[in-house]
């Protein structure tokens, strides 16, 4: 199991399984900020990258859990292989945002 903790943009702790198939993240936040959600519950079955997700937000914290199915790990490994071998053409998000900004006249 891997544990990652951080403070930006808010305090969080993420626990990841050794094989990378499951992780849970706990985030702490200030509920008095203008852009916060005080109560949220979400459950998603992901069809694109097979797995399911669960999200629960209450005042002061958010818990997010994801469990990938075995075929999801194969999909992600194949995507990594394509990126490393340069078969997959990707562009940097900064370049896309710059082009959008220039095209909108901003």
N, C-alpha and C. Protein backbone atom coordinates (compact mmCIF):
# COMPACT_ATOMS: atom_id res chain seq x y z
N UNK A 1 0.85 -1.18 0.00
CA UNK A 1 0.00 0.00 0.00
C UNK A 1 0.89 1.23 0.00
N UNK A 2 0.51 2.21 -0.82
CA UNK A 2 1.22 3.49 -0.86
C UNK A 2 0.35 4.55 -0.21
N UNK A 3 1.00 5.48 0.47
CA UNK A 3 0.30 6.59 1.11
C UNK A 3 0.92 7.88 0.60
N UNK A 4 0.07 8.80 0.11
CA UNK A 4 0.52 10.11 -0.36
C UNK A 4 -0.28 11.16 0.40
N UNK A 5 0.41 12.17 0.91
CA UNK A 5 -0.26 13.26 1.62
C UNK A 5 0.20 14.58 1.03
N UNK A 6 -0.67 15.58 1.10
CA UNK A 6 -0.33 16.89 0.57
C UNK A 6 -1.17 17.98 1.19
N UNK A 7 -0.84 19.21 0.83
CA UNK A 7 -1.55 20.37 1.38
C UNK A 7 -2.15 21.27 0.33
N UNK A 8 -1.86 21.05 -0.95
CA UNK A 8 -2.33 21.99 -1.97
C UNK A 8 -3.34 21.33 -2.89
N UNK A 9 -4.42 21.93 -3.26
CA UNK A 9 -4.95 23.20 -2.75
C UNK A 9 -5.63 23.06 -1.39
N UNK A 10 -5.72 21.83 -0.88
CA UNK A 10 -6.27 21.57 0.44
C UNK A 10 -5.59 20.32 0.97
N UNK A 11 -5.72 20.07 2.24
CA UNK A 11 -5.07 18.89 2.83
C UNK A 11 -5.75 17.61 2.35
N UNK A 12 -4.92 16.63 2.00
CA UNK A 12 -5.47 15.36 1.54
C UNK A 12 -4.53 14.21 1.87
N UNK A 13 -5.09 13.01 1.91
CA UNK A 13 -4.33 11.77 2.07
C UNK A 13 -4.92 10.78 1.08
N UNK A 14 -4.06 10.10 0.33
CA UNK A 14 -4.51 9.10 -0.63
C UNK A 14 -3.82 7.78 -0.32
N UNK A 15 -4.60 6.73 -0.21
CA UNK A 15 -4.10 5.37 0.00
C UNK A 15 -4.34 4.59 -1.28
N UNK A 16 -3.29 3.96 -1.81
CA UNK A 16 -3.39 3.21 -3.06
C UNK A 16 -2.95 1.77 -2.81
N UNK A 17 -3.68 0.81 -3.38
CA UNK A 17 -3.30 -0.59 -3.24
C UNK A 17 -2.00 -0.85 -3.97
N UNK A 18 -1.30 -1.94 -3.61
CA UNK A 18 -0.02 -2.26 -4.22
C UNK A 18 -0.12 -2.48 -5.72
N UNK A 19 -1.21 -3.07 -6.17
CA UNK A 19 -1.36 -3.33 -7.61
C UNK A 19 -1.99 -2.16 -8.36
N UNK A 20 -2.37 -1.10 -7.65
CA UNK A 20 -2.93 0.09 -8.29
C UNK A 20 -4.38 -0.03 -8.69
N UNK A 21 -5.04 -1.10 -8.28
CA UNK A 21 -6.43 -1.31 -8.70
C UNK A 21 -7.44 -0.56 -7.84
N UNK A 22 -7.04 -0.18 -6.64
CA UNK A 22 -7.97 0.51 -5.73
C UNK A 22 -7.26 1.68 -5.06
N UNK A 23 -8.02 2.75 -4.83
CA UNK A 23 -7.49 3.82 -4.01
C UNK A 23 -8.62 4.56 -3.34
N UNK A 24 -8.28 5.16 -2.21
CA UNK A 24 -9.23 5.98 -1.47
C UNK A 24 -8.51 7.28 -1.12
N UNK A 25 -9.23 8.37 -1.22
CA UNK A 25 -8.66 9.68 -0.95
C UNK A 25 -9.55 10.42 0.03
N UNK A 26 -8.95 11.00 1.05
CA UNK A 26 -9.66 11.81 2.04
C UNK A 26 -9.14 13.23 1.92
N UNK A 27 -10.02 14.18 1.66
CA UNK A 27 -9.66 15.59 1.50
C UNK A 27 -10.35 16.41 2.57
N UNK A 28 -9.62 17.31 3.17
CA UNK A 28 -10.17 18.23 4.17
C UNK A 28 -10.25 19.61 3.55
N UNK A 29 -11.36 20.32 3.79
CA UNK A 29 -11.52 21.65 3.21
C UNK A 29 -12.28 22.56 4.17
N UNK A 30 -12.24 23.84 3.88
CA UNK A 30 -12.93 24.84 4.68
C UNK A 30 -14.33 25.04 4.10
N UNK A 31 -15.39 24.70 4.82
CA UNK A 31 -16.74 24.83 4.27
C UNK A 31 -17.24 26.27 4.18
N UNK A 32 -16.46 27.22 4.65
CA UNK A 32 -16.89 28.62 4.61
C UNK A 32 -16.42 29.34 3.35
N UNK A 33 -15.71 28.63 2.46
CA UNK A 33 -15.29 29.25 1.21
C UNK A 33 -16.47 29.29 0.24
N UNK A 34 -16.48 30.24 -0.71
CA UNK A 34 -17.63 30.36 -1.61
C UNK A 34 -17.81 29.18 -2.57
N UNK A 35 -16.72 28.50 -2.93
CA UNK A 35 -16.82 27.38 -3.88
C UNK A 35 -16.65 26.06 -3.16
N UNK A 36 -17.62 25.69 -2.37
CA UNK A 36 -17.53 24.39 -1.71
C UNK A 36 -18.90 23.71 -1.74
N UNK A 37 -18.85 22.41 -1.67
CA UNK A 37 -20.07 21.60 -1.66
C UNK A 37 -20.20 21.02 -0.26
N UNK A 38 -21.27 21.32 0.43
CA UNK A 38 -21.42 20.86 1.81
C UNK A 38 -21.98 19.45 1.93
N UNK A 39 -22.72 19.01 0.93
CA UNK A 39 -23.30 17.67 0.99
C UNK A 39 -23.41 17.11 -0.42
N UNK A 40 -22.78 15.97 -0.64
CA UNK A 40 -22.81 15.35 -1.96
C UNK A 40 -22.59 13.85 -1.79
N UNK A 41 -23.31 13.10 -2.58
CA UNK A 41 -23.15 11.65 -2.61
C UNK A 41 -23.23 11.23 -4.08
N UNK A 42 -22.24 10.47 -4.53
CA UNK A 42 -22.20 10.08 -5.93
C UNK A 42 -21.64 8.67 -6.04
N UNK A 43 -22.27 7.86 -6.86
CA UNK A 43 -21.79 6.51 -7.16
C UNK A 43 -21.81 6.35 -8.67
N UNK A 44 -20.67 5.95 -9.26
CA UNK A 44 -20.56 5.85 -10.71
C UNK A 44 -19.99 4.50 -11.11
N UNK A 45 -20.58 3.90 -12.13
CA UNK A 45 -20.01 2.71 -12.76
C UNK A 45 -19.37 3.19 -14.05
N UNK A 46 -18.06 3.10 -14.12
CA UNK A 46 -17.29 3.61 -15.26
C UNK A 46 -17.24 2.55 -16.35
N UNK A 47 -17.73 2.88 -17.54
CA UNK A 47 -17.73 1.95 -18.67
C UNK A 47 -16.49 2.13 -19.54
N UNK A 48 -15.94 3.33 -19.59
CA UNK A 48 -14.78 3.61 -20.44
C UNK A 48 -13.52 2.91 -19.91
N UNK A 49 -13.21 3.14 -18.66
CA UNK A 49 -12.13 2.44 -17.97
C UNK A 49 -12.82 1.66 -16.85
N UNK A 50 -13.12 0.38 -17.07
CA UNK A 50 -14.02 -0.38 -16.20
C UNK A 50 -13.67 -0.31 -14.72
N UNK A 51 -14.66 0.06 -13.94
CA UNK A 51 -14.51 0.14 -12.49
C UNK A 51 -15.70 0.88 -11.91
N UNK A 52 -15.64 1.16 -10.61
CA UNK A 52 -16.69 1.98 -10.03
C UNK A 52 -16.08 2.97 -9.05
N UNK A 53 -16.80 4.06 -8.85
CA UNK A 53 -16.35 5.16 -8.01
C UNK A 53 -17.44 5.51 -7.02
N UNK A 54 -17.00 5.99 -5.87
CA UNK A 54 -17.92 6.42 -4.82
C UNK A 54 -17.36 7.72 -4.25
N UNK A 55 -18.21 8.71 -4.10
CA UNK A 55 -17.79 10.00 -3.57
C UNK A 55 -18.79 10.45 -2.51
N UNK A 56 -18.29 10.86 -1.37
CA UNK A 56 -19.14 11.37 -0.28
C UNK A 56 -18.51 12.65 0.25
N UNK A 57 -19.29 13.73 0.23
CA UNK A 57 -18.82 15.00 0.76
C UNK A 57 -19.75 15.43 1.89
N UNK A 58 -19.15 15.76 3.01
CA UNK A 58 -19.84 16.31 4.17
C UNK A 58 -19.06 17.55 4.59
N UNK A 59 -19.60 18.38 5.48
CA UNK A 59 -18.82 19.56 5.89
C UNK A 59 -17.44 19.16 6.40
N UNK A 60 -16.43 19.82 5.91
CA UNK A 60 -15.03 19.68 6.28
C UNK A 60 -14.27 18.56 5.56
N UNK A 61 -14.93 17.57 4.95
CA UNK A 61 -14.15 16.52 4.29
C UNK A 61 -14.90 15.87 3.13
N UNK A 62 -14.10 15.29 2.24
CA UNK A 62 -14.60 14.52 1.10
C UNK A 62 -13.87 13.19 1.08
N UNK A 63 -14.60 12.11 0.84
CA UNK A 63 -14.01 10.79 0.67
C UNK A 63 -14.31 10.33 -0.75
N UNK A 64 -13.27 9.90 -1.46
CA UNK A 64 -13.41 9.39 -2.82
C UNK A 64 -12.77 8.01 -2.86
N UNK A 65 -13.48 7.05 -3.43
CA UNK A 65 -12.98 5.67 -3.55
C UNK A 65 -13.15 5.22 -5.00
N UNK A 66 -12.15 4.56 -5.54
CA UNK A 66 -12.24 3.99 -6.89
C UNK A 66 -11.68 2.58 -6.86
N UNK A 67 -12.39 1.67 -7.52
CA UNK A 67 -11.95 0.29 -7.66
C UNK A 67 -11.96 -0.04 -9.15
N UNK A 68 -10.78 -0.30 -9.71
CA UNK A 68 -10.66 -0.66 -11.12
C UNK A 68 -10.82 -2.16 -11.29
N UNK A 69 -11.53 -2.56 -12.33
CA UNK A 69 -11.62 -3.97 -12.67
C UNK A 69 -10.30 -4.39 -13.33
N UNK A 70 -9.99 -5.70 -13.36
CA UNK A 70 -8.72 -6.14 -13.96
C UNK A 70 -8.52 -5.67 -15.40
N UNK A 71 -9.58 -5.62 -16.19
CA UNK A 71 -9.43 -5.16 -17.58
C UNK A 71 -9.07 -3.68 -17.65
N UNK A 72 -9.42 -2.90 -16.63
CA UNK A 72 -9.06 -1.48 -16.60
C UNK A 72 -7.55 -1.33 -16.50
N UNK A 73 -6.91 -2.16 -15.69
CA UNK A 73 -5.46 -2.09 -15.57
C UNK A 73 -4.79 -2.43 -16.89
N UNK A 74 -5.34 -3.38 -17.63
CA UNK A 74 -4.79 -3.71 -18.95
C UNK A 74 -4.95 -2.53 -19.91
N UNK A 75 -6.09 -1.85 -19.85
CA UNK A 75 -6.33 -0.67 -20.71
C UNK A 75 -5.33 0.42 -20.38
N UNK A 76 -5.11 0.68 -19.09
CA UNK A 76 -4.18 1.74 -18.68
C UNK A 76 -2.74 1.38 -19.03
N UNK A 77 -2.35 0.10 -18.87
CA UNK A 77 -1.01 -0.32 -19.26
C UNK A 77 -0.79 -0.16 -20.76
N UNK A 78 -1.80 -0.50 -21.57
CA UNK A 78 -1.71 -0.36 -23.02
C UNK A 78 -1.58 1.13 -23.39
N UNK A 79 -2.33 1.98 -22.73
CA UNK A 79 -2.23 3.42 -22.97
C UNK A 79 -0.85 3.94 -22.61
N UNK A 80 -0.30 3.50 -21.48
CA UNK A 80 1.07 3.89 -21.10
C UNK A 80 2.08 3.43 -22.15
N UNK A 81 1.92 2.20 -22.64
CA UNK A 81 2.84 1.68 -23.65
C UNK A 81 2.78 2.52 -24.93
N UNK A 82 1.57 2.89 -25.35
CA UNK A 82 1.42 3.70 -26.56
C UNK A 82 2.04 5.08 -26.39
N UNK A 83 1.88 5.65 -25.21
CA UNK A 83 2.45 6.98 -24.96
C UNK A 83 3.97 6.90 -24.96
N UNK A 84 4.54 5.89 -24.29
CA UNK A 84 6.00 5.76 -24.23
C UNK A 84 6.60 5.46 -25.60
N UNK A 85 5.91 4.69 -26.43
CA UNK A 85 6.43 4.36 -27.76
C UNK A 85 6.08 5.42 -28.79
N UNK A 86 5.39 6.46 -28.36
CA UNK A 86 4.98 7.58 -29.20
C UNK A 86 4.00 7.18 -30.30
N UNK A 87 3.30 6.06 -30.13
CA UNK A 87 2.23 5.67 -31.06
C UNK A 87 1.00 6.56 -30.83
N UNK A 88 0.87 7.03 -29.63
CA UNK A 88 -0.27 7.83 -29.23
C UNK A 88 0.14 9.29 -29.25
N UNK A 89 -0.53 10.09 -30.05
CA UNK A 89 -0.20 11.50 -30.15
C UNK A 89 -1.02 12.27 -29.12
N UNK A 90 -0.34 12.90 -28.22
CA UNK A 90 -1.01 13.71 -27.20
C UNK A 90 -0.43 15.12 -27.26
N UNK A 91 -1.21 16.08 -26.87
CA UNK A 91 -0.70 17.44 -26.82
C UNK A 91 -0.85 17.97 -25.39
N UNK A 92 0.00 18.90 -25.06
CA UNK A 92 -0.01 19.47 -23.72
C UNK A 92 -1.24 20.33 -23.54
N UNK A 93 -1.83 20.27 -22.36
CA UNK A 93 -3.04 21.05 -22.09
C UNK A 93 -2.78 22.55 -22.21
N UNK A 94 -1.56 22.97 -21.89
CA UNK A 94 -1.22 24.39 -22.00
C UNK A 94 -1.34 24.86 -23.44
N UNK A 95 -0.89 24.00 -24.39
CA UNK A 95 -0.97 24.35 -25.81
C UNK A 95 -2.41 24.47 -26.27
N UNK A 96 -3.25 23.55 -25.82
CA UNK A 96 -4.67 23.58 -26.18
C UNK A 96 -5.33 24.84 -25.63
N UNK A 97 -5.04 25.16 -24.38
CA UNK A 97 -5.64 26.36 -23.77
C UNK A 97 -5.15 27.63 -24.46
N UNK A 98 -3.87 27.67 -24.84
CA UNK A 98 -3.35 28.84 -25.55
C UNK A 98 -4.06 29.02 -26.89
N UNK A 99 -4.26 27.91 -27.63
CA UNK A 99 -4.94 27.99 -28.92
C UNK A 99 -6.39 28.45 -28.74
N UNK A 100 -7.06 27.95 -27.71
CA UNK A 100 -8.45 28.36 -27.45
C UNK A 100 -8.51 29.85 -27.11
N UNK A 101 -7.57 30.30 -26.30
CA UNK A 101 -7.55 31.70 -25.91
C UNK A 101 -7.30 32.60 -27.11
N UNK A 102 -6.37 32.19 -27.99
CA UNK A 102 -6.08 33.00 -29.19
C UNK A 102 -7.25 33.01 -30.15
N UNK A 103 -7.93 31.87 -30.29
CA UNK A 103 -9.06 31.80 -31.23
C UNK A 103 -10.27 32.58 -30.72
N UNK A 104 -10.38 32.75 -29.39
CA UNK A 104 -11.53 33.50 -28.85
C UNK A 104 -11.24 34.99 -28.78
N UNK A 105 -10.01 35.37 -29.13
CA UNK A 105 -9.65 36.80 -29.15
C UNK A 105 -9.23 37.30 -27.78
N UNK A 106 -8.94 36.41 -26.84
CA UNK A 106 -8.59 36.79 -25.46
C UNK A 106 -7.19 37.02 -25.21
